[in-house]
Amino acid sequence: SACHQGGVAGAPMLGGRQAWAPLIEEGQAV
């Protein structure tokens, strides 16, 4: 949460669907 709560240094924010979409597409293991 130190970084992902507020998007520190570009970290995808918790619940941020747009930011997480390409990561989810990459796959859980990757």
mmCIF file of all heavy atoms, coordinates in Angstrom:
data_MODEL
# 
_entry.id   MODEL 
# 
loop_
_atom_site.group_PDB 
_atom_site.id 
_atom_site.type_symbol 
_atom_site.label_atom_id 
_atom_site.label_alt_id 
_atom_site.label_comp_id 
_atom_site.label_asym_id 
_atom_site.label_entity_id 
_atom_site.label_seq_id 
_atom_site.pdbx_PDB_ins_code 
_atom_site.Cartn_x 
_atom_site.Cartn_y 
_atom_site.Cartn_z 
_atom_site.occupancy 
_atom_site.B_iso_or_equiv 
_atom_site.pdbx_formal_charge 
_atom_site.auth_seq_id 
_atom_site.auth_comp_id 
_atom_site.auth_asym_id 
_atom_site.auth_atom_id 
_atom_site.pdbx_PDB_model_num 
ATOM 1   N N   . SER A 1 1  ? 0.814   -1.212  0.000   1.00 0.00 ? 1  SER A N   1 
ATOM 2   C CA  . SER A 1 1  ? 0.000   0.000   0.000   1.00 0.00 ? 1  SER A CA  1 
ATOM 3   C C   . SER A 1 1  ? 0.847   1.262   0.000   1.00 0.00 ? 1  SER A C   1 
ATOM 4   O O   . SER A 1 1  ? 0.380   2.322   -0.442  1.00 0.00 ? 1  SER A O   1 
ATOM 5   C CB  . SER A 1 1  ? -0.942  0.010   1.202   1.00 0.00 ? 1  SER A CB  1 
ATOM 6   O OG  . SER A 1 1  ? -0.213  -0.020  2.424   1.00 0.00 ? 1  SER A OG  1 
ATOM 7   N N   . ALA A 1 2  ? 2.089   1.181   0.468   1.00 0.00 ? 2  ALA A N   1 
ATOM 8   C CA  . ALA A 1 2  ? 2.962   2.358   0.502   1.00 0.00 ? 2  ALA A CA  1 
ATOM 9   C C   . ALA A 1 2  ? 3.093   2.994   -0.869  1.00 0.00 ? 2  ALA A C   1 
ATOM 10  O O   . ALA A 1 2  ? 3.177   4.214   -0.994  1.00 0.00 ? 2  ALA A O   1 
ATOM 11  C CB  . ALA A 1 2  ? 4.346   1.973   1.034   1.00 0.00 ? 2  ALA A CB  1 
ATOM 12  N N   . CYS A 1 3  ? 3.086   2.169   -1.915  1.00 0.00 ? 3  CYS A N   1 
ATOM 13  C CA  . CYS A 1 3  ? 3.188   2.697   -3.284  1.00 0.00 ? 3  CYS A CA  1 
ATOM 14  C C   . CYS A 1 3  ? 1.894   2.533   -4.074  1.00 0.00 ? 3  CYS A C   1 
ATOM 15  O O   . CYS A 1 3  ? 1.503   3.428   -4.833  1.00 0.00 ? 3  CYS A O   1 
ATOM 16  C CB  . CYS A 1 3  ? 4.322   1.999   -4.035  1.00 0.00 ? 3  CYS A CB  1 
ATOM 17  S SG  . CYS A 1 3  ? 5.976   2.403   -3.409  1.00 0.00 ? 3  CYS A SG  1 
ATOM 18  N N   . HIS A 1 4  ? 1.208   1.392   -3.896  1.00 0.00 ? 4  HIS A N   1 
ATOM 19  C CA  . HIS A 1 4  ? 0.046   1.090   -4.737  1.00 0.00 ? 4  HIS A CA  1 
ATOM 20  C C   . HIS A 1 4  ? -1.230  1.799   -4.296  1.00 0.00 ? 4  HIS A C   1 
ATOM 21  O O   . HIS A 1 4  ? -2.196  1.855   -5.056  1.00 0.00 ? 4  HIS A O   1 
ATOM 22  C CB  . HIS A 1 4  ? -0.176  -0.424  -4.808  1.00 0.00 ? 4  HIS A CB  1 
ATOM 23  C CG  . HIS A 1 4  ? 0.857   -1.142  -5.618  1.00 0.00 ? 4  HIS A CG  1 
ATOM 24  N ND1 . HIS A 1 4  ? 0.771   -1.266  -6.989  1.00 0.00 ? 4  HIS A ND1 1 
ATOM 25  C CD2 . HIS A 1 4  ? 2.015   -1.746  -5.251  1.00 0.00 ? 4  HIS A CD2 1 
ATOM 26  C CE1 . HIS A 1 4  ? 1.822   -1.938  -7.436  1.00 0.00 ? 4  HIS A CE1 1 
ATOM 27  N NE2 . HIS A 1 4  ? 2.596   -2.239  -6.403  1.00 0.00 ? 4  HIS A NE2 1 
ATOM 28  N N   . GLN A 1 5  ? -1.237  2.354   -3.079  1.00 0.00 ? 5  GLN A N   1 
ATOM 29  C CA  . GLN A 1 5  ? -2.418  3.081   -2.630  1.00 0.00 ? 5  GLN A CA  1 
ATOM 30  C C   . GLN A 1 5  ? -2.562  4.405   -3.383  1.00 0.00 ? 5  GLN A C   1 
ATOM 31  O O   . GLN A 1 5  ? -3.655  4.809   -3.769  1.00 0.00 ? 5  GLN A O   1 
ATOM 32  C CB  . GLN A 1 5  ? -2.333  3.352   -1.132  1.00 0.00 ? 5  GLN A CB  1 
ATOM 33  C CG  . GLN A 1 5  ? -3.565  4.076   -0.559  1.00 0.00 ? 5  GLN A CG  1 
ATOM 34  C CD  . GLN A 1 5  ? -4.814  3.209   -0.597  1.00 0.00 ? 5  GLN A CD  1 
ATOM 35  O OE1 . GLN A 1 5  ? -4.742  1.991   -0.440  1.00 0.00 ? 5  GLN A OE1 1 
ATOM 36  N NE2 . GLN A 1 5  ? -5.962  3.830   -0.821  1.00 0.00 ? 5  GLN A NE2 1 
ATOM 37  N N   . GLY A 1 6  ? -1.416  5.072   -3.598  1.00 0.00 ? 6  GLY A N   1 
ATOM 38  C CA  . GLY A 1 6  ? -1.472  6.380   -4.255  1.00 0.00 ? 6  GLY A CA  1 
ATOM 39  C C   . GLY A 1 6  ? -0.810  6.435   -5.615  1.00 0.00 ? 6  GLY A C   1 
ATOM 40  O O   . GLY A 1 6  ? -0.670  7.508   -6.192  1.00 0.00 ? 6  GLY A O   1 
ATOM 41  N N   . GLY A 1 7  ? -0.357  5.277   -6.135  1.00 0.00 ? 7  GLY A N   1 
ATOM 42  C CA  . GLY A 1 7  ? 0.270   5.260   -7.454  1.00 0.00 ? 7  GLY A CA  1 
ATOM 43  C C   . GLY A 1 7  ? 1.660   5.862   -7.459  1.00 0.00 ? 7  GLY A C   1 
ATOM 44  O O   . GLY A 1 7  ? 2.084   6.481   -8.438  1.00 0.00 ? 7  GLY A O   1 
ATOM 45  N N   . VAL A 1 8  ? 2.410   5.660   -6.368  1.00 0.00 ? 8  VAL A N   1 
ATOM 46  C CA  . VAL A 1 8  ? 3.755   6.212   -6.246  1.00 0.00 ? 8  VAL A CA  1 
ATOM 47  C C   . VAL A 1 8  ? 4.668   5.673   -7.342  1.00 0.00 ? 8  VAL A C   1 
ATOM 48  O O   . VAL A 1 8  ? 4.697   4.470   -7.603  1.00 0.00 ? 8  VAL A O   1 
ATOM 49  C CB  . VAL A 1 8  ? 4.346   5.885   -4.855  1.00 0.00 ? 8  VAL A CB  1 
ATOM 50  C CG1 . VAL A 1 8  ? 5.825   6.232   -4.790  1.00 0.00 ? 8  VAL A CG1 1 
ATOM 51  C CG2 . VAL A 1 8  ? 3.582   6.634   -3.775  1.00 0.00 ? 8  VAL A CG2 1 
ATOM 52  N N   . ALA A 1 9  ? 5.426   6.576   -7.980  1.00 0.00 ? 9  ALA A N   1 
ATOM 53  C CA  . ALA A 1 9  ? 6.413   6.205   -9.008  1.00 0.00 ? 9  ALA A CA  1 
ATOM 54  C C   . ALA A 1 9  ? 5.801   5.325   -10.102 1.00 0.00 ? 9  ALA A C   1 
ATOM 55  O O   . ALA A 1 9  ? 6.460   4.437   -10.640 1.00 0.00 ? 9  ALA A O   1 
ATOM 56  C CB  . ALA A 1 9  ? 7.614   5.507   -8.368  1.00 0.00 ? 9  ALA A CB  1 
ATOM 57  N N   . GLY A 1 10 ? 4.527   5.558   -10.421 1.00 0.00 ? 10 GLY A N   1 
ATOM 58  C CA  . GLY A 1 10 ? 3.883   4.828   -11.508 1.00 0.00 ? 10 GLY A CA  1 
ATOM 59  C C   . GLY A 1 10 ? 3.310   3.482   -11.123 1.00 0.00 ? 10 GLY A C   1 
ATOM 60  O O   . GLY A 1 10 ? 2.850   2.728   -11.994 1.00 0.00 ? 10 GLY A O   1 
ATOM 61  N N   . ALA A 1 11 ? 3.311   3.138   -9.825  1.00 0.00 ? 11 ALA A N   1 
ATOM 62  C CA  . ALA A 1 11 ? 2.749   1.856   -9.394  1.00 0.00 ? 11 ALA A CA  1 
ATOM 63  C C   . ALA A 1 11 ? 1.251   1.827   -9.707  1.00 0.00 ? 11 ALA A C   1 
ATOM 64  O O   . ALA A 1 11 ? 0.539   2.787   -9.411  1.00 0.00 ? 11 ALA A O   1 
ATOM 65  C CB  . ALA A 1 11 ? 2.960   1.664   -7.897  1.00 0.00 ? 11 ALA A CB  1 
ATOM 66  N N   . PRO A 1 12 ? 0.749   0.736   -10.313 1.00 0.00 ? 12 PRO A N   1 
ATOM 67  C CA  . PRO A 1 12 ? -0.693  0.659   -10.597 1.00 0.00 ? 12 PRO A CA  1 
ATOM 68  C C   . PRO A 1 12 ? -1.494  0.671   -9.299  1.00 0.00 ? 12 PRO A C   1 
ATOM 69  O O   . PRO A 1 12 ? -1.243  -0.122  -8.399  1.00 0.00 ? 12 PRO A O   1 
ATOM 70  C CB  . PRO A 1 12 ? -0.837  -0.678  -11.336 1.00 0.00 ? 12 PRO A CB  1 
ATOM 71  C CG  . PRO A 1 12 ? 0.367   -1.478  -10.944 1.00 0.00 ? 12 PRO A CG  1 
ATOM 72  C CD  . PRO A 1 12 ? 1.461   -0.479  -10.742 1.00 0.00 ? 12 PRO A CD  1 
ATOM 73  N N   . MET A 1 13 ? -2.426  1.581   -9.196  1.00 0.00 ? 13 MET A N   1 
ATOM 74  C CA  . MET A 1 13 ? -3.175  1.762   -7.948  1.00 0.00 ? 13 MET A CA  1 
ATOM 75  C C   . MET A 1 13 ? -4.165  0.624   -7.712  1.00 0.00 ? 13 MET A C   1 
ATOM 76  O O   . MET A 1 13 ? -4.682  0.025   -8.661  1.00 0.00 ? 13 MET A O   1 
ATOM 77  C CB  . MET A 1 13 ? -3.914  3.096   -7.974  1.00 0.00 ? 13 MET A CB  1 
ATOM 78  C CG  . MET A 1 13 ? -3.010  4.304   -7.901  1.00 0.00 ? 13 MET A CG  1 
ATOM 79  S SD  . MET A 1 13 ? -3.898  5.878   -8.024  1.00 0.00 ? 13 MET A SD  1 
ATOM 80  C CE  . MET A 1 13 ? -4.958  5.774   -6.561  1.00 0.00 ? 13 MET A CE  1 
ATOM 81  N N   . LEU A 1 14 ? -4.391  0.347   -6.440  1.00 0.00 ? 14 LEU A N   1 
ATOM 82  C CA  . LEU A 1 14 ? -5.377  -0.651  -6.062  1.00 0.00 ? 14 LEU A CA  1 
ATOM 83  C C   . LEU A 1 14 ? -6.733  -0.266  -6.669  1.00 0.00 ? 14 LEU A C   1 
ATOM 84  O O   . LEU A 1 14 ? -7.199  0.865   -6.510  1.00 0.00 ? 14 LEU A O   1 
ATOM 85  C CB  . LEU A 1 14 ? -5.495  -0.718  -4.543  1.00 0.00 ? 14 LEU A CB  1 
ATOM 86  C CG  . LEU A 1 14 ? -6.362  -1.851  -3.997  1.00 0.00 ? 14 LEU A CG  1 
ATOM 87  C CD1 . LEU A 1 14 ? -5.609  -3.167  -4.104  1.00 0.00 ? 14 LEU A CD1 1 
ATOM 88  C CD2 . LEU A 1 14 ? -6.724  -1.579  -2.532  1.00 0.00 ? 14 LEU A CD2 1 
ATOM 89  N N   . GLY A 1 15 ? -7.330  -1.211  -7.393  1.00 0.00 ? 15 GLY A N   1 
ATOM 90  C CA  . GLY A 1 15 ? -8.632  -0.963  -7.998  1.00 0.00 ? 15 GLY A CA  1 
ATOM 91  C C   . GLY A 1 15 ? -8.574  -0.192  -9.304  1.00 0.00 ? 15 GLY A C   1 
ATOM 92  O O   . GLY A 1 15 ? -9.624  0.046   -9.919  1.00 0.00 ? 15 GLY A O   1 
ATOM 93  N N   . GLY A 1 16 ? -7.365  0.190   -9.753  1.00 0.00 ? 16 GLY A N   1 
ATOM 94  C CA  . GLY A 1 16 ? -7.234  0.950   -10.998 1.00 0.00 ? 16 GLY A CA  1 
ATOM 95  C C   . GLY A 1 16 ? -7.331  0.049   -12.218 1.00 0.00 ? 16 GLY A C   1 
ATOM 96  O O   . GLY A 1 16 ? -6.327  -0.514  -12.676 1.00 0.00 ? 16 GLY A O   1 
ATOM 97  N N   . ARG A 1 17 ? -8.519  -0.111  -12.728 1.00 0.00 ? 17 ARG A N   1 
ATOM 98  C CA  . ARG A 1 17 ? -8.754  -1.065  -13.833 1.00 0.00 ? 17 ARG A CA  1 
ATOM 99  C C   . ARG A 1 17 ? -7.931  -0.742  -15.074 1.00 0.00 ? 17 ARG A C   1 
ATOM 100 O O   . ARG A 1 17 ? -7.399  -1.644  -15.730 1.00 0.00 ? 17 ARG A O   1 
ATOM 101 C CB  . ARG A 1 17 ? -10.242 -1.124  -14.169 1.00 0.00 ? 17 ARG A CB  1 
ATOM 102 C CG  . ARG A 1 17 ? -11.077 -1.800  -13.081 1.00 0.00 ? 17 ARG A CG  1 
ATOM 103 C CD  . ARG A 1 17 ? -12.565 -1.804  -13.400 1.00 0.00 ? 17 ARG A CD  1 
ATOM 104 N NE  . ARG A 1 17 ? -13.296 -2.520  -12.379 1.00 0.00 ? 17 ARG A NE  1 
ATOM 105 C CZ  . ARG A 1 17 ? -13.663 -3.814  -12.467 1.00 0.00 ? 17 ARG A CZ  1 
ATOM 106 N NH1 . ARG A 1 17 ? -13.354 -4.503  -13.539 1.00 0.00 ? 17 ARG A NH1 1 
ATOM 107 N NH2 . ARG A 1 17 ? -14.320 -4.398  -11.474 1.00 0.00 ? 17 ARG A NH2 1 
ATOM 108 N N   . GLN A 1 18 ? -7.831  0.534   -15.417 1.00 0.00 ? 18 GLN A N   1 
ATOM 109 C CA  . GLN A 1 18 ? -7.096  0.893   -16.624 1.00 0.00 ? 18 GLN A CA  1 
ATOM 110 C C   . GLN A 1 18 ? -5.619  0.562   -16.492 1.00 0.00 ? 18 GLN A C   1 
ATOM 111 O O   . GLN A 1 18 ? -4.996  0.056   -17.432 1.00 0.00 ? 18 GLN A O   1 
ATOM 112 C CB  . GLN A 1 18 ? -7.281  2.387   -16.928 1.00 0.00 ? 18 GLN A CB  1 
ATOM 113 C CG  . GLN A 1 18 ? -6.627  2.816   -18.240 1.00 0.00 ? 18 GLN A CG  1 
ATOM 114 C CD  . GLN A 1 18 ? -6.933  4.261   -18.591 1.00 0.00 ? 18 GLN A CD  1 
ATOM 115 O OE1 . GLN A 1 18 ? -7.710  4.925   -17.928 1.00 0.00 ? 18 GLN A OE1 1 
ATOM 116 N NE2 . GLN A 1 18 ? -6.330  4.745   -19.655 1.00 0.00 ? 18 GLN A NE2 1 
ATOM 117 N N   . ALA A 1 19 ? -5.042  0.854   -15.347 1.00 0.00 ? 19 ALA A N   1 
ATOM 118 C CA  . ALA A 1 19 ? -3.624  0.583   -15.129 1.00 0.00 ? 19 ALA A CA  1 
ATOM 119 C C   . ALA A 1 19 ? -3.331  -0.912  -15.043 1.00 0.00 ? 19 ALA A C   1 
ATOM 120 O O   . ALA A 1 19 ? -2.283  -1.385  -15.493 1.00 0.00 ? 19 ALA A O   1 
ATOM 121 C CB  . ALA A 1 19 ? -3.152  1.284   -13.858 1.00 0.00 ? 19 ALA A CB  1 
ATOM 122 N N   . TRP A 1 20 ? -4.271  -1.659  -14.459 1.00 0.00 ? 20 TRP A N   1 
ATOM 123 C CA  . TRP A 1 20 ? -4.043  -3.093  -14.278 1.00 0.00 ? 20 TRP A CA  1 
ATOM 124 C C   . TRP A 1 20 ? -4.381  -3.914  -15.514 1.00 0.00 ? 20 TRP A C   1 
ATOM 125 O O   . TRP A 1 20 ? -3.906  -5.058  -15.648 1.00 0.00 ? 20 TRP A O   1 
ATOM 126 C CB  . TRP A 1 20 ? -4.865  -3.600  -13.087 1.00 0.00 ? 20 TRP A CB  1 
ATOM 127 C CG  . TRP A 1 20 ? -4.159  -3.421  -11.780 1.00 0.00 ? 20 TRP A CG  1 
ATOM 128 C CD1 . TRP A 1 20 ? -4.295  -2.392  -10.897 1.00 0.00 ? 20 TRP A CD1 1 
ATOM 129 C CD2 . TRP A 1 20 ? -3.173  -4.303  -11.212 1.00 0.00 ? 20 TRP A CD2 1 
ATOM 130 N NE1 . TRP A 1 20 ? -3.468  -2.567  -9.817  1.00 0.00 ? 20 TRP A NE1 1 
ATOM 131 C CE2 . TRP A 1 20 ? -2.775  -3.735  -9.979  1.00 0.00 ? 20 TRP A CE2 1 
ATOM 132 C CE3 . TRP A 1 20 ? -2.606  -5.501  -11.621 1.00 0.00 ? 20 TRP A CE3 1 
ATOM 133 C CZ2 . TRP A 1 20 ? -1.816  -4.335  -9.157  1.00 0.00 ? 20 TRP A CZ2 1 
ATOM 134 C CZ3 . TRP A 1 20 ? -1.662  -6.113  -10.798 1.00 0.00 ? 20 TRP A CZ3 1 
ATOM 135 C CH2 . TRP A 1 20 ? -1.281  -5.528  -9.597  1.00 0.00 ? 20 TRP A CH2 1 
ATOM 136 N N   . ALA A 1 21 ? -5.181  -3.370  -16.429 1.00 0.00 ? 21 ALA A N   1 
ATOM 137 C CA  . ALA A 1 21 ? -5.644  -4.160  -17.582 1.00 0.00 ? 21 ALA A CA  1 
ATOM 138 C C   . ALA A 1 21 ? -4.510  -4.819  -18.372 1.00 0.00 ? 21 ALA A C   1 
ATOM 139 O O   . ALA A 1 21 ? -4.548  -6.033  -18.625 1.00 0.00 ? 21 ALA A O   1 
ATOM 140 C CB  . ALA A 1 21 ? -6.507  -3.287  -18.501 1.00 0.00 ? 21 ALA A CB  1 
ATOM 141 N N   . PRO A 1 22 ? -3.447  -4.077  -18.767 1.00 0.00 ? 22 PRO A N   1 
ATOM 142 C CA  . PRO A 1 22 ? -2.371  -4.736  -19.528 1.00 0.00 ? 22 PRO A CA  1 
ATOM 143 C C   . PRO A 1 22 ? -1.606  -5.755  -18.697 1.00 0.00 ? 22 PRO A C   1 
ATOM 144 O O   . PRO A 1 22 ? -1.083  -6.738  -19.241 1.00 0.00 ? 22 PRO A O   1 
ATOM 145 C CB  . PRO A 1 22 ? -1.471  -3.569  -19.954 1.00 0.00 ? 22 PRO A CB  1 
ATOM 146 C CG  . PRO A 1 22 ? -1.782  -2.463  -19.004 1.00 0.00 ? 22 PRO A CG  1 
ATOM 147 C CD  . PRO A 1 22 ? -3.217  -2.621  -18.644 1.00 0.00 ? 22 PRO A CD  1 
ATOM 148 N N   . LEU A 1 23 ? -1.548  -5.545  -17.379 1.00 0.00 ? 23 LEU A N   1 
ATOM 149 C CA  . LEU A 1 23 ? -0.858  -6.506  -16.514 1.00 0.00 ? 23 LEU A CA  1 
ATOM 150 C C   . LEU A 1 23 ? -1.668  -7.794  -16.388 1.00 0.00 ? 23 LEU A C   1 
ATOM 151 O O   . LEU A 1 23 ? -1.114  -8.904  -16.436 1.00 0.00 ? 23 LEU A O   1 
ATOM 152 C CB  . LEU A 1 23 ? -0.619  -5.893  -15.132 1.00 0.00 ? 23 LEU A CB  1 
ATOM 153 C CG  . LEU A 1 23 ? 0.221   -4.615  -15.107 1.00 0.00 ? 23 LEU A CG  1 
ATOM 154 C CD1 . LEU A 1 23 ? 0.286   -4.046  -13.694 1.00 0.00 ? 23 LEU A CD1 1 
ATOM 155 C CD2 . LEU A 1 23 ? 1.621   -4.880  -15.632 1.00 0.00 ? 23 LEU A CD2 1 
ATOM 156 N N   . ILE A 1 24 ? -2.962  -7.631  -16.230 1.00 0.00 ? 24 ILE A N   1 
ATOM 157 C CA  . ILE A 1 24 ? -3.837  -8.809  -16.155 1.00 0.00 ? 24 ILE A CA  1 
ATOM 158 C C   . ILE A 1 24 ? -3.746  -9.606  -17.444 1.00 0.00 ? 24 ILE A C   1 
ATOM 159 O O   . ILE A 1 24 ? -3.722  -10.839 -17.431 1.00 0.00 ? 24 ILE A O   1 
ATOM 160 C CB  . ILE A 1 24 ? -5.284  -8.366  -15.860 1.00 0.00 ? 24 ILE A CB  1 
ATOM 161 C CG1 . ILE A 1 24 ? -5.366  -7.773  -14.439 1.00 0.00 ? 24 ILE A CG1 1 
ATOM 162 C CG2 . ILE A 1 24 ? -6.249  -9.538  -16.007 1.00 0.00 ? 24 ILE A CG2 1 
ATOM 163 C CD1 . ILE A 1 24 ? -6.679  -7.094  -14.125 1.00 0.00 ? 24 ILE A CD1 1 
ATOM 164 N N   . GLU A 1 25 ? -3.641  -8.876  -18.555 1.00 0.00 ? 25 GLU A N   1 
ATOM 165 C CA  . GLU A 1 25 ? -3.508  -9.546  -19.854 1.00 0.00 ? 25 GLU A CA  1 
ATOM 166 C C   . GLU A 1 25 ? -2.208  -10.324 -19.954 1.00 0.00 ? 25 GLU A C   1 
ATOM 167 O O   . GLU A 1 25 ? -2.126  -11.388 -20.557 1.00 0.00 ? 25 GLU A O   1 
ATOM 168 C CB  . GLU A 1 25 ? -3.553  -8.483  -20.958 1.00 0.00 ? 25 GLU A CB  1 
ATOM 169 C CG  . GLU A 1 25 ? -3.360  -9.060  -22.320 1.00 0.00 ? 25 GLU A CG  1 
ATOM 170 C CD  . GLU A 1 25 ? -4.601  -8.954  -23.190 1.00 0.00 ? 25 GLU A CD  1 
ATOM 171 O OE1 . GLU A 1 25 ? -5.597  -8.332  -22.829 1.00 0.00 ? 25 GLU A OE1 1 
ATOM 172 O OE2 . GLU A 1 25 ? -4.539  -9.542  -24.236 1.00 0.00 ? 25 GLU A OE2 1 
ATOM 173 N N   . GLU A 1 26 ? -1.139  -9.790  -19.328 1.00 0.00 ? 26 GLU A N   1 
ATOM 174 C CA  . GLU A 1 26 ? 0.167   -10.471 -19.338 1.00 0.00 ? 26 GLU A CA  1 
ATOM 175 C C   . GLU A 1 26 ? 0.103   -11.824 -18.644 1.00 0.00 ? 26 GLU A C   1 
ATOM 176 O O   . GLU A 1 26 ? 0.810   -12.760 -19.014 1.00 0.00 ? 26 GLU A O   1 
ATOM 177 C CB  . GLU A 1 26 ? 1.202   -9.600  -18.618 1.00 0.00 ? 26 GLU A CB  1 
ATOM 178 C CG  . GLU A 1 26 ? 2.156   -8.878  -19.546 1.00 0.00 ? 26 GLU A CG  1 
ATOM 179 C CD  . GLU A 1 26 ? 3.278   -8.220  -18.781 1.00 0.00 ? 26 GLU A CD  1 
ATOM 180 O OE1 . GLU A 1 26 ? 2.978   -7.304  -17.991 1.00 0.00 ? 26 GLU A OE1 1 
ATOM 181 O OE2 . GLU A 1 26 ? 4.437   -8.641  -18.947 1.00 0.00 ? 26 GLU A OE2 1 
ATOM 182 N N   . GLY A 1 27 ? -0.710  -11.920 -17.632 1.00 0.00 ? 27 GLY A N   1 
ATOM 183 C CA  . GLY A 1 27 ? -0.860  -13.196 -16.943 1.00 0.00 ? 27 GLY A CA  1 
ATOM 184 C C   . GLY A 1 27 ? -0.312  -13.187 -15.532 1.00 0.00 ? 27 GLY A C   1 
ATOM 185 O O   . GLY A 1 27 ? 0.659   -12.478 -15.219 1.00 0.00 ? 27 GLY A O   1 
ATOM 186 N N   . GLN A 1 28 ? -0.935  -13.977 -14.675 1.00 0.00 ? 28 GLN A N   1 
ATOM 187 C CA  . GLN A 1 28 ? -0.596  -13.987 -13.256 1.00 0.00 ? 28 GLN A CA  1 
ATOM 188 C C   . GLN A 1 28 ? 0.849   -14.391 -12.995 1.00 0.00 ? 28 GLN A C   1 
ATOM 189 O O   . GLN A 1 28 ? 1.541   -13.754 -12.198 1.00 0.00 ? 28 GLN A O   1 
ATOM 190 C CB  . GLN A 1 28 ? -1.546  -14.922 -12.502 1.00 0.00 ? 28 GLN A CB  1 
ATOM 191 C CG  . GLN A 1 28 ? -1.339  -14.940 -10.990 1.00 0.00 ? 28 GLN A CG  1 
ATOM 192 C CD  . GLN A 1 28 ? -2.425  -15.711 -10.252 1.00 0.00 ? 28 GLN A CD  1 
ATOM 193 O OE1 . GLN A 1 28 ? -3.369  -16.201 -10.877 1.00 0.00 ? 28 GLN A OE1 1 
ATOM 194 N NE2 . GLN A 1 28 ? -2.305  -15.816 -8.947  1.00 0.00 ? 28 GLN A NE2 1 
ATOM 195 N N   . ALA A 1 29 ? 1.315   -15.439 -13.650 1.00 0.00 ? 29 ALA A N   1 
ATOM 196 C CA  . ALA A 1 29 ? 2.675   -15.930 -13.394 1.00 0.00 ? 29 ALA A CA  1 
ATOM 197 C C   . ALA A 1 29 ? 3.721   -14.911 -13.829 1.00 0.00 ? 29 ALA A C   1 
ATOM 198 O O   . ALA A 1 29 ? 4.698   -14.655 -13.107 1.00 0.00 ? 29 ALA A O   1 
ATOM 199 C CB  . ALA A 1 29 ? 2.901   -17.251 -14.122 1.00 0.00 ? 29 ALA A CB  1 
ATOM 200 N N   . VAL A 1 30 ? 3.520   -14.312 -14.991 1.00 0.00 ? 30 VAL A N   1 
ATOM 201 C CA  . VAL A 1 30 ? 4.496   -13.350 -15.520 1.00 0.00 ? 30 VAL A CA  1 
ATOM 202 C C   . VAL A 1 30 ? 4.568   -12.109 -14.636 1.00 0.00 ? 30 VAL A C   1 
ATOM 203 O O   . VAL A 1 30 ? 5.649   -11.677 -14.233 1.00 0.00 ? 30 VAL A O   1 
ATOM 204 C CB  . VAL A 1 30 ? 4.141   -12.967 -16.966 1.00 0.00 ? 30 VAL A CB  1 
ATOM 205 C CG1 . VAL A 1 30 ? 5.032   -11.829 -17.461 1.00 0.00 ? 30 VAL A CG1 1 
ATOM 206 C CG2 . VAL A 1 30 ? 4.277   -14.163 -17.893 1.00 0.00 ? 30 VAL A CG2 1 
# 
